[in-house]
Amino acid sequence: MFALLDHDSVPPTMNLKCEPARALDQRDFHEAIRPGWHMNKRHWNTLDLDGSLRGALVAELVRPSYDLVVGALPSRVREILA
């Protein structure tokens, strides 16, 4: 799991996995990014999709989340995904 979307919340939210140091930087720079709700707050951020974050930024944050999760999978599973 690399992303969780709660489209029923107001505003909608998305949890993304992140390198711990980068997670802190993102939280410091963007009010709409906060520690991961119901997740390991060191490794996960929650993004409030209230329109304050550019769509391009949200898209840029999804790929590293995916890469972190896939990188931790066994090599045979990574080969299937490639």
PDB file of N, CA and C in Angstrom:
ATOM      1  N   MET A   1       0.847  -1.161   0.000  1.00  0.00           N
ATOM      2  CA  MET A   1       0.000   0.000   0.000  1.00  0.00           C
ATOM      3  C   MET A   1       0.900   1.233   0.000  1.00  0.00           C
ATOM      4  N   PHE A   2       0.708   2.094  -0.968  1.00  0.00           N
ATOM      5  CA  PHE A   2       1.525   3.299  -1.029  1.00  0.00           C
ATOM      6  C   PHE A   2       0.690   4.571  -0.927  1.00  0.00           C
ATOM      7  N   ALA A   3      -0.633   4.442  -1.033  1.00  0.00           N
ATOM      8  CA  ALA A   3      -1.504   5.609  -0.939  1.00  0.00           C
ATOM      9  C   ALA A   3      -2.871   5.182  -0.418  1.00  0.00           C
ATOM     10  N   LEU A   4      -3.450   6.051   0.383  1.00  0.00           N
ATOM     11  CA  LEU A   4      -4.813   5.863   0.869  1.00  0.00           C
ATOM     12  C   LEU A   4      -5.575   7.145   0.573  1.00  0.00           C
ATOM     13  N   LEU A   5      -6.721   7.025  -0.047  1.00  0.00           N
ATOM     14  CA  LEU A   5      -7.539   8.188  -0.380  1.00  0.00           C
ATOM     15  C   LEU A   5      -8.845   8.100   0.390  1.00  0.00           C
ATOM     16  N   ASP A   6      -9.164   9.146   1.112  1.00  0.00           N
ATOM     17  CA  ASP A   6     -10.452   9.234   1.795  1.00  0.00           C
ATOM     18  C   ASP A   6     -11.252  10.326   1.099  1.00  0.00           C
ATOM     19  N   HIS A   7     -12.021   9.924   0.114  1.00  0.00           N
ATOM     20  CA  HIS A   7     -12.781  10.908  -0.663  1.00  0.00           C
ATOM     21  C   HIS A   7     -14.062  11.316   0.048  1.00  0.00           C
ATOM     22  N   ASP A   8     -14.407  10.643   1.153  1.00  0.00           N
ATOM     23  CA  ASP A   8     -15.609  11.013   1.906  1.00  0.00           C
ATOM     24  C   ASP A   8     -15.342  12.104   2.937  1.00  0.00           C
ATOM     25  N   SER A   9     -14.076  12.314   3.292  1.00  0.00           N
ATOM     26  CA  SER A   9     -13.780  13.360   4.271  1.00  0.00           C
ATOM     27  C   SER A   9     -13.901  14.730   3.597  1.00  0.00           C
ATOM     28  N   VAL A  10     -14.087  15.748   4.407  1.00  0.00           N
ATOM     29  CA  VAL A  10     -14.176  17.115   3.887  1.00  0.00           C
ATOM     30  C   VAL A  10     -13.099  17.935   4.569  1.00  0.00           C
ATOM     31  N   PRO A  11     -12.068  18.355   3.832  1.00  0.00           N
ATOM     32  CA  PRO A  11     -11.804  18.056   2.427  1.00  0.00           C
ATOM     33  C   PRO A  11     -11.320  16.607   2.281  1.00  0.00           C
ATOM     34  N   PRO A  12     -11.331  16.091   1.057  1.00  0.00           N
ATOM     35  CA  PRO A  12     -10.758  14.760   0.838  1.00  0.00           C
ATOM     36  C   PRO A  12      -9.290  14.753   1.279  1.00  0.00           C
ATOM     37  N   THR A  13      -8.809  13.609   1.729  1.00  0.00           N
ATOM     38  CA  THR A  13      -7.414  13.489   2.153  1.00  0.00           C
ATOM     39  C   THR A  13      -6.765  12.295   1.477  1.00  0.00           C
ATOM     40  N   MET A  14      -5.435  12.360   1.418  1.00  0.00           N
ATOM     41  CA  MET A  14      -4.651  11.262   0.865  1.00  0.00           C
ATOM     42  C   MET A  14      -3.439  11.050   1.753  1.00  0.00           C
ATOM     43  N   ASN A  15      -3.196   9.810   2.134  1.00  0.00           N
ATOM     44  CA  ASN A  15      -1.988   9.448   2.879  1.00  0.00           C
ATOM     45  C   ASN A  15      -0.970   8.899   1.896  1.00  0.00           C
ATOM     46  N   LEU A  16       0.260   9.398   1.989  1.00  0.00           N
ATOM     47  CA  LEU A  16       1.355   8.933   1.143  1.00  0.00           C
ATOM     48  C   LEU A  16       2.568   8.621   1.997  1.00  0.00           C
ATOM     49  N   LYS A  17       3.262   7.561   1.645  1.00  0.00           N
ATOM     50  CA  LYS A  17       4.504   7.193   2.328  1.00  0.00           C
ATOM     51  C   LYS A  17       5.608   8.153   1.880  1.00  0.00           C
ATOM     52  N   CYS A  18       6.571   8.398   2.776  1.00  0.00           N
ATOM     53  CA  CYS A  18       7.610   9.385   2.483  1.00  0.00           C
ATOM     54  C   CYS A  18       8.856   9.092   3.314  1.00  0.00           C
ATOM     55  N   GLU A  19      10.006   9.460   2.774  1.00  0.00           N
ATOM     56  CA  GLU A  19      11.244   9.396   3.562  1.00  0.00           C
ATOM     57  C   GLU A  19      11.068  10.319   4.768  1.00  0.00           C
ATOM     58  N   PRO A  20      11.467   9.905   5.976  1.00  0.00           N
ATOM     59  CA  PRO A  20      11.222  10.701   7.178  1.00  0.00           C
ATOM     60  C   PRO A  20      11.701  12.156   7.105  1.00  0.00           C
ATOM     61  N   ALA A  21      12.897  12.405   6.630  1.00  0.00           N
ATOM     62  CA  ALA A  21      13.394  13.793   6.570  1.00  0.00           C
ATOM     63  C   ALA A  21      12.581  14.621   5.585  1.00  0.00           C
ATOM     64  N   ARG A  22      12.242  14.023   4.472  1.00  0.00           N
ATOM     65  CA  ARG A  22      11.447  14.738   3.470  1.00  0.00           C
ATOM     66  C   ARG A  22      10.026  14.984   3.978  1.00  0.00           C
ATOM     67  N   ALA A  23       9.500  14.041   4.748  1.00  0.00           N
ATOM     68  CA  ALA A  23       8.158  14.209   5.316  1.00  0.00           C
ATOM     69  C   ALA A  23       8.112  15.464   6.182  1.00  0.00           C
ATOM     70  N   LEU A  24       9.118  15.639   7.004  1.00  0.00           N
ATOM     71  CA  LEU A  24       9.167  16.824   7.867  1.00  0.00           C
ATOM     72  C   LEU A  24       9.267  18.102   7.045  1.00  0.00           C
ATOM     73  N   ASP A  25      10.101  18.097   6.010  1.00  0.00           N
ATOM     74  CA  ASP A  25      10.239  19.275   5.148  1.00  0.00           C
ATOM     75  C   ASP A  25       8.913  19.637   4.499  1.00  0.00           C
ATOM     76  N   GLN A  26       8.201  18.640   4.003  1.00  0.00           N
ATOM     77  CA  GLN A  26       6.925  18.901   3.347  1.00  0.00           C
ATOM     78  C   GLN A  26       5.920  19.498   4.324  1.00  0.00           C
ATOM     79  N   ARG A  27       5.898  18.991   5.551  1.00  0.00           N
ATOM     80  CA  ARG A  27       4.980  19.512   6.562  1.00  0.00           C
ATOM     81  C   ARG A  27       5.314  20.953   6.920  1.00  0.00           C
ATOM     82  N   ASP A  28       6.609  21.259   6.981  1.00  0.00           N
ATOM     83  CA  ASP A  28       7.033  22.618   7.316  1.00  0.00           C
ATOM     84  C   ASP A  28       6.667  23.607   6.213  1.00  0.00           C
ATOM     85  N   PHE A  29       6.683  23.168   4.974  1.00  0.00           N
ATOM     86  CA  PHE A  29       6.497  24.059   3.838  1.00  0.00           C
ATOM     87  C   PHE A  29       5.043  24.208   3.408  1.00  0.00           C
ATOM     88  N   HIS A  30       4.211  23.203   3.685  1.00  0.00           N
ATOM     89  CA  HIS A  30       2.820  23.221   3.222  1.00  0.00           C
ATOM     90  C   HIS A  30       1.871  22.986   4.389  1.00  0.00           C
ATOM     91  N   GLU A  31       0.964  23.920   4.618  1.00  0.00           N
ATOM     92  CA  GLU A  31      -0.017  23.772   5.693  1.00  0.00           C
ATOM     93  C   GLU A  31      -0.935  22.580   5.474  1.00  0.00           C
ATOM     94  N   ALA A  32      -1.157  22.226   4.214  1.00  0.00           N
ATOM     95  CA  ALA A  32      -2.089  21.149   3.879  1.00  0.00           C
ATOM     96  C   ALA A  32      -1.436  19.769   3.947  1.00  0.00           C
ATOM     97  N   ILE A  33      -0.182  19.701   4.388  1.00  0.00           N
ATOM     98  CA  ILE A  33       0.490  18.413   4.574  1.00  0.00           C
ATOM     99  C   ILE A  33       0.812  18.286   6.059  1.00  0.00           C
ATOM    100  N   ARG A  34       0.332  17.204   6.634  1.00  0.00           N
ATOM    101  CA  ARG A  34       0.507  16.993   8.078  1.00  0.00           C
ATOM    102  C   ARG A  34       0.876  15.539   8.348  1.00  0.00           C
ATOM    103  N   PRO A  35       1.236  15.214   9.588  1.00  0.00           N
ATOM    104  CA  PRO A  35       1.593  13.822   9.891  1.00  0.00           C
ATOM    105  C   PRO A  35       0.470  12.863   9.505  1.00  0.00           C
ATOM    106  N   GLY A  36       0.843  11.686   9.060  1.00  0.00           N
ATOM    107  CA  GLY A  36      -0.119  10.708   8.568  1.00  0.00           C
ATOM    108  C   GLY A  36      -1.176  10.330   9.589  1.00  0.00           C
ATOM    109  N   TRP A  37      -2.418  10.521   9.205  1.00  0.00           N
ATOM    110  CA  TRP A  37      -3.553  10.195  10.067  1.00  0.00           C
ATOM    111  C   TRP A  37      -3.673   8.681  10.197  1.00  0.00           C
ATOM    112  N   HIS A  38      -3.629   8.175  11.402  1.00  0.00           N
ATOM    113  CA  HIS A  38      -3.711   6.742  11.704  1.00  0.00           C
ATOM    114  C   HIS A  38      -2.604   5.927  11.040  1.00  0.00           C
ATOM    115  N   MET A  39      -1.463   6.540  10.813  1.00  0.00           N
ATOM    116  CA  MET A  39      -0.324   5.869  10.180  1.00  0.00           C
ATOM    117  C   MET A  39       0.913   6.166  11.022  1.00  0.00           C
ATOM    118  N   ASN A  40       2.024   5.517  10.696  1.00  0.00           N
ATOM    119  CA  ASN A  40       3.294   5.829  11.327  1.00  0.00           C
ATOM    120  C   ASN A  40       3.676   7.238  10.900  1.00  0.00           C
ATOM    121  N   LYS A  41       3.612   8.186  11.813  1.00  0.00           N
ATOM    122  CA  LYS A  41       3.786   9.598  11.482  1.00  0.00           C
ATOM    123  C   LYS A  41       5.199   9.943  11.030  1.00  0.00           C
ATOM    124  N   ARG A  42       6.118   9.060  11.273  1.00  0.00           N
ATOM    125  CA  ARG A  42       7.477   9.293  10.802  1.00  0.00           C
ATOM    126  C   ARG A  42       7.578   9.033   9.298  1.00  0.00           C
ATOM    127  N   HIS A  43       6.808   8.087   8.785  1.00  0.00           N
ATOM    128  CA  HIS A  43       6.926   7.642   7.400  1.00  0.00           C
ATOM    129  C   HIS A  43       5.750   8.023   6.503  1.00  0.00           C
ATOM    130  N   TRP A  44       4.709   8.590   7.071  1.00  0.00           N
ATOM    131  CA  TRP A  44       3.512   8.891   6.284  1.00  0.00           C
ATOM    132  C   TRP A  44       3.068  10.329   6.487  1.00  0.00           C
ATOM    133  N   ASN A  45       2.600  10.941   5.412  1.00  0.00           N
ATOM    134  CA  ASN A  45       2.003  12.270   5.453  1.00  0.00           C
ATOM    135  C   ASN A  45       0.556  12.170   4.995  1.00  0.00           C
ATOM    136  N   THR A  46      -0.272  13.025   5.561  1.00  0.00           N
ATOM    137  CA  THR A  46      -1.640  13.189   5.086  1.00  0.00           C
ATOM    138  C   THR A  46      -1.712  14.513   4.351  1.00  0.00           C
ATOM    139  N   LEU A  47      -2.230  14.466   3.136  1.00  0.00           N
ATOM    140  CA  LEU A  47      -2.419  15.662   2.328  1.00  0.00           C
ATOM    141  C   LEU A  47      -3.896  16.020   2.361  1.00  0.00           C
ATOM    142  N   ASP A  48      -4.193  17.258   2.738  1.00  0.00           N
ATOM    143  CA  ASP A  48      -5.557  17.760   2.658  1.00  0.00           C
ATOM    144  C   ASP A  48      -5.762  18.246   1.227  1.00  0.00           C
ATOM    145  N   LEU A  49      -6.656  17.605   0.508  1.00  0.00           N
ATOM    146  CA  LEU A  49      -6.892  17.943  -0.894  1.00  0.00           C
ATOM    147  C   LEU A  49      -7.982  19.017  -0.969  1.00  0.00           C
ATOM    148  N   ASP A  50      -7.631  20.167  -0.401  1.00  0.00           N
ATOM    149  CA  ASP A  50      -8.569  21.289  -0.296  1.00  0.00           C
ATOM    150  C   ASP A  50      -8.365  22.330  -1.390  1.00  0.00           C
ATOM    151  N   GLY A  51      -7.498  22.024  -2.348  1.00  0.00           N
ATOM    152  CA  GLY A  51      -7.219  22.955  -3.440  1.00  0.00           C
ATOM    153  C   GLY A  51      -5.996  23.817  -3.214  1.00  0.00           C
ATOM    154  N   SER A  52      -5.433  23.780  -2.008  1.00  0.00           N
ATOM    155  CA  SER A  52      -4.269  24.619  -1.733  1.00  0.00           C
ATOM    156  C   SER A  52      -2.967  24.009  -2.258  1.00  0.00           C
ATOM    157  N   LEU A  53      -2.958  22.701  -2.496  1.00  0.00           N
ATOM    158  CA  LEU A  53      -1.780  22.037  -3.069  1.00  0.00           C
ATOM    159  C   LEU A  53      -1.997  21.898  -4.574  1.00  0.00           C
ATOM    160  N   ARG A  54      -0.999  22.316  -5.336  1.00  0.00           N
ATOM    161  CA  ARG A  54      -1.095  22.160  -6.793  1.00  0.00           C
ATOM    162  C   ARG A  54      -1.220  20.683  -7.147  1.00  0.00           C
ATOM    163  N   GLY A  55      -2.006  20.407  -8.158  1.00  0.00           N
ATOM    164  CA  GLY A  55      -2.161  19.032  -8.621  1.00  0.00           C
ATOM    165  C   GLY A  55      -0.839  18.422  -9.015  1.00  0.00           C
ATOM    166  N   ALA A  56       0.036  19.241  -9.625  1.00  0.00           N
ATOM    167  CA  ALA A  56       1.350  18.747 -10.033  1.00  0.00           C
ATOM    168  C   ALA A  56       2.169  18.321  -8.811  1.00  0.00           C
ATOM    169  N   LEU A  57       2.044  19.047  -7.702  1.00  0.00           N
ATOM    170  CA  LEU A  57       2.782  18.682  -6.489  1.00  0.00           C
ATOM    171  C   LEU A  57       2.259  17.353  -5.941  1.00  0.00           C
ATOM    172  N   VAL A  58       0.951  17.205  -5.895  1.00  0.00           N
ATOM    173  CA  VAL A  58       0.377  15.949  -5.405  1.00  0.00           C
ATOM    174  C   VAL A  58       0.879  14.787  -6.267  1.00  0.00           C
ATOM    175  N   ALA A  59       0.868  14.974  -7.574  1.00  0.00           N
ATOM    176  CA  ALA A  59       1.358  13.929  -8.488  1.00  0.00           C
ATOM    177  C   ALA A  59       2.836  13.640  -8.237  1.00  0.00           C
ATOM    178  N   GLU A  60       3.629  14.671  -7.965  1.00  0.00           N
ATOM    179  CA  GLU A  60       5.060  14.489  -7.691  1.00  0.00           C
ATOM    180  C   GLU A  60       5.292  13.696  -6.406  1.00  0.00           C
ATOM    181  N   LEU A  61       4.364  13.771  -5.463  1.00  0.00           N
ATOM    182  CA  LEU A  61       4.525  13.071  -4.182  1.00  0.00           C
ATOM    183  C   LEU A  61       4.070  11.622  -4.250  1.00  0.00           C
ATOM    184  N   VAL A  62       3.236  11.292  -5.221  1.00  0.00           N
ATOM    185  CA  VAL A  62       2.734   9.921  -5.339  1.00  0.00           C
ATOM    186  C   VAL A  62       3.850   8.972  -5.761  1.00  0.00           C
ATOM    187  N   ARG A  63       4.654   9.359  -6.749  1.00  0.00           N
ATOM    188  CA  ARG A  63       5.690   8.458  -7.277  1.00  0.00           C
ATOM    189  C   ARG A  63       6.703   8.011  -6.215  1.00  0.00           C
ATOM    190  N   PRO A  64       7.259   8.934  -5.415  1.00  0.00           N
ATOM    191  CA  PRO A  64       8.197   8.476  -4.382  1.00  0.00           C
ATOM    192  C   PRO A  64       7.544   7.526  -3.371  1.00  0.00           C
ATOM    193  N   SER A  65       6.264   7.734  -3.076  1.00  0.00           N
ATOM    194  CA  SER A  65       5.554   6.833  -2.175  1.00  0.00           C
ATOM    195  C   SER A  65       5.503   5.429  -2.778  1.00  0.00           C
ATOM    196  N   TYR A  66       5.138   5.357  -4.041  1.00  0.00           N
ATOM    197  CA  TYR A  66       5.095   4.075  -4.750  1.00  0.00           C
ATOM    198  C   TYR A  66       6.479   3.424  -4.761  1.00  0.00           C
ATOM    199  N   ASP A  67       7.494   4.216  -5.095  1.00  0.00           N
ATOM    200  CA  ASP A  67       8.856   3.681  -5.180  1.00  0.00           C
ATOM    201  C   ASP A  67       9.346   3.131  -3.838  1.00  0.00           C
ATOM    202  N   LEU A  68       9.013   3.801  -2.733  1.00  0.00           N
ATOM    203  CA  LEU A  68       9.414   3.315  -1.410  1.00  0.00           C
ATOM    204  C   LEU A  68       8.787   1.959  -1.108  1.00  0.00           C
ATOM    205  N   VAL A  69       7.522   1.822  -1.430  1.00  0.00           N
ATOM    206  CA  VAL A  69       6.827   0.566  -1.140  1.00  0.00           C
ATOM    207  C   VAL A  69       7.333  -0.548  -2.049  1.00  0.00           C
ATOM    208  N   VAL A  70       7.441  -0.271  -3.333  1.00  0.00           N
ATOM    209  CA  VAL A  70       7.905  -1.293  -4.272  1.00  0.00           C
ATOM    210  C   VAL A  70       9.343  -1.694  -3.960  1.00  0.00           C
ATOM    211  N   GLY A  71      10.173  -0.733  -3.573  1.00  0.00           N
ATOM    212  CA  GLY A  71      11.562  -1.027  -3.243  1.00  0.00           C
ATOM    213  C   GLY A  71      11.721  -1.981  -2.073  1.00  0.00           C
ATOM    214  N   ALA A  72      10.716  -2.061  -1.220  1.00  0.00           N
ATOM    215  CA  ALA A  72      10.779  -2.950  -0.062  1.00  0.00           C
ATOM    216  C   ALA A  72      10.211  -4.342  -0.362  1.00  0.00           C
ATOM    217  N   LEU A  73       9.658  -4.528  -1.547  1.00  0.00           N
ATOM    218  CA  LEU A  73       9.088  -5.832  -1.905  1.00  0.00           C
ATOM    219  C   LEU A  73      10.193  -6.813  -2.295  1.00  0.00           C
ATOM    220  N   PRO A  74       9.917  -8.096  -2.195  1.00  0.00           N
ATOM    221  CA  PRO A  74      10.891  -9.099  -2.677  1.00  0.00           C
ATOM    222  C   PRO A  74      11.179  -8.884  -4.162  1.00  0.00           C
ATOM    223  N   SER A  75      12.390  -9.231  -4.588  1.00  0.00           N
ATOM    224  CA  SER A  75      12.805  -8.980  -5.971  1.00  0.00           C
ATOM    225  C   SER A  75      11.890  -9.664  -6.982  1.00  0.00           C
ATOM    226  N   ARG A  76      11.385 -10.833  -6.673  1.00  0.00           N
ATOM    227  CA  ARG A  76      10.520 -11.527  -7.625  1.00  0.00           C
ATOM    228  C   ARG A  76       9.214 -10.748  -7.844  1.00  0.00           C
ATOM    229  N   VAL A  77       8.722 -10.101  -6.821  1.00  0.00           N
ATOM    230  CA  VAL A  77       7.505  -9.290  -6.951  1.00  0.00           C
ATOM    231  C   VAL A  77       7.824  -8.014  -7.738  1.00  0.00           C
ATOM    232  N   ARG A  78       8.966  -7.399  -7.455  1.00  0.00           N
ATOM    233  CA  ARG A  78       9.368  -6.195  -8.210  1.00  0.00           C
ATOM    234  C   ARG A  78       9.508  -6.507  -9.688  1.00  0.00           C
ATOM    235  N   GLU A  79      10.021  -7.691 -10.029  1.00  0.00           N
ATOM    236  CA  GLU A  79      10.150  -8.086 -11.434  1.00  0.00           C
ATOM    237  C   GLU A  79       8.796  -8.198 -12.103  1.00  0.00           C
ATOM    238  N   ILE A  80       7.815  -8.712 -11.397  1.00  0.00           N
ATOM    239  CA  ILE A  80       6.452  -8.814 -11.945  1.00  0.00           C
ATOM    240  C   ILE A  80       5.888  -7.431 -12.203  1.00  0.00           C
ATOM    241  N   LEU A  81       6.128  -6.492 -11.297  1.00  0.00           N
ATOM    242  CA  LEU A  81       5.597  -5.148 -11.442  1.00  0.00           C
ATOM    243  C   LEU A  81       6.291  -4.358 -12.546  1.00  0.00           C
ATOM    244  N   ALA A  82       7.544  -4.705 -12.819  1.00  0.00           N
ATOM    245  CA  ALA A  82       8.283  -3.977 -13.849  1.00  0.00           C
ATOM    246  C   ALA A  82       7.742  -4.373 -15.195  1.00  0.00           C
TER     247      ALA A  82
END
